[in-house]
Amino acid sequence: MEEGGDQERDLAANYRGLAELIRFDYPYVASLLDRIAESYDHDAEQMDSRGSAVKRGII
């Protein structure tokens, strides 16, 4: 299992890449994929914080 938000960052990058591929033809769908990527970015930050807290023995 990966620590922190690495997995979520990978997913965010994947969704951003997909959005770029279709942005010209399907701008609305691309914007939805961007929002999904932003959500994964947020999740990554939370997982980073949680991983840091676990390492310090807080959780």
C-alpha atoms as a PDB file:
ATOM      1  CA  MET A   1       0.000   0.000   0.000  1.00  0.00           C
ATOM      2  CA  GLU A   2       1.297   3.454  -0.886  1.00  0.00           C
ATOM      3  CA  GLU A   3       1.599   6.090   1.797  1.00  0.00           C
ATOM      4  CA  GLY A   4       0.013   9.484   1.605  1.00  0.00           C
ATOM      5  CA  GLY A   5      -1.894  10.608  -1.426  1.00  0.00           C
ATOM      6  CA  ASP A   6       0.256   9.153  -4.202  1.00  0.00           C
ATOM      7  CA  GLN A   7      -2.514   6.938  -5.544  1.00  0.00           C
ATOM      8  CA  GLU A   8      -4.985   9.824  -5.558  1.00  0.00           C
ATOM      9  CA  ARG A   9      -2.480  12.074  -7.355  1.00  0.00           C
ATOM     10  CA  ASP A  10      -2.021   9.401 -10.026  1.00  0.00           C
ATOM     11  CA  LEU A  11      -5.783   9.205 -10.508  1.00  0.00           C
ATOM     12  CA  ALA A  12      -6.044  12.999 -10.719  1.00  0.00           C
ATOM     13  CA  ALA A  13      -3.340  13.089 -13.387  1.00  0.00           C
ATOM     14  CA  ASN A  14      -5.119  10.371 -15.333  1.00  0.00           C
ATOM     15  CA  TYR A  15      -8.431  12.248 -15.301  1.00  0.00           C
ATOM     16  CA  ARG A  16      -6.690  15.491 -16.335  1.00  0.00           C
ATOM     17  CA  GLY A  17      -5.056  13.678 -19.229  1.00  0.00           C
ATOM     18  CA  LEU A  18      -8.391  12.308 -20.365  1.00  0.00           C
ATOM     19  CA  ALA A  19      -9.927  15.769 -20.103  1.00  0.00           C
ATOM     20  CA  GLU A  20      -7.216  17.237 -22.319  1.00  0.00           C
ATOM     21  CA  LEU A  21      -7.811  14.582 -24.955  1.00  0.00           C
ATOM     22  CA  ILE A  22     -11.483  15.496 -25.350  1.00  0.00           C
ATOM     23  CA  ARG A  23     -11.536  19.174 -24.329  1.00  0.00           C
ATOM     24  CA  PHE A  24     -12.026  20.525 -27.880  1.00  0.00           C
ATOM     25  CA  ASP A  25     -14.819  18.143 -28.906  1.00  0.00           C
ATOM     26  CA  TYR A  26     -16.525  17.671 -25.531  1.00  0.00           C
ATOM     27  CA  PRO A  27     -15.794  20.685 -23.322  1.00  0.00           C
ATOM     28  CA  TYR A  28     -18.546  19.925 -20.819  1.00  0.00           C
ATOM     29  CA  VAL A  29     -17.385  16.349 -20.254  1.00  0.00           C
ATOM     30  CA  ALA A  30     -13.800  17.614 -20.003  1.00  0.00           C
ATOM     31  CA  SER A  31     -14.877  20.042 -17.288  1.00  0.00           C
ATOM     32  CA  LEU A  32     -16.470  17.169 -15.367  1.00  0.00           C
ATOM     33  CA  LEU A  33     -13.249  15.178 -15.623  1.00  0.00           C
ATOM     34  CA  ASP A  34     -11.354  18.237 -14.340  1.00  0.00           C
ATOM     35  CA  ARG A  35     -13.679  18.400 -11.347  1.00  0.00           C
ATOM     36  CA  ILE A  36     -13.081  14.716 -10.636  1.00  0.00           C
ATOM     37  CA  ALA A  37      -9.332  15.383 -10.794  1.00  0.00           C
ATOM     38  CA  GLU A  38      -9.716  18.286  -8.357  1.00  0.00           C
ATOM     39  CA  SER A  39     -11.598  16.004  -5.994  1.00  0.00           C
ATOM     40  CA  TYR A  40      -8.755  13.475  -6.121  1.00  0.00           C
ATOM     41  CA  ASP A  41      -6.259  16.303  -5.472  1.00  0.00           C
ATOM     42  CA  HIS A  42      -8.219  17.194  -2.357  1.00  0.00           C
ATOM     43  CA  ASP A  43      -8.283  13.551  -1.296  1.00  0.00           C
ATOM     44  CA  ALA A  44      -4.509  13.352  -1.834  1.00  0.00           C
ATOM     45  CA  GLU A  45      -3.971  16.287   0.507  1.00  0.00           C
ATOM     46  CA  GLN A  46      -6.130  14.618   3.147  1.00  0.00           C
ATOM     47  CA  MET A  47      -4.259  11.341   2.782  1.00  0.00           C
ATOM     48  CA  ASP A  48      -0.931  13.190   3.080  1.00  0.00           C
ATOM     49  CA  SER A  49      -2.109  14.777   6.305  1.00  0.00           C
ATOM     50  CA  ARG A  50      -3.380  11.474   7.621  1.00  0.00           C
ATOM     51  CA  GLY A  51      -0.138   9.698   6.711  1.00  0.00           C
ATOM     52  CA  SER A  52       1.857  12.395   8.443  1.00  0.00           C
ATOM     53  CA  ALA A  53      -0.295  12.104  11.572  1.00  0.00           C
ATOM     54  CA  VAL A  54       0.119   8.321  11.618  1.00  0.00           C
ATOM     55  CA  LYS A  55       3.902   8.644  11.348  1.00  0.00           C
ATOM     56  CA  ARG A  56       3.935  11.070  14.279  1.00  0.00           C
ATOM     57  CA  GLY A  57       1.756   8.705  16.325  1.00  0.00           C
ATOM     58  CA  ILE A  58      -1.220  11.068  16.485  1.00  0.00           C
ATOM     59  CA  ILE A  59      -3.593   8.568  14.872  1.00  0.00           C
END
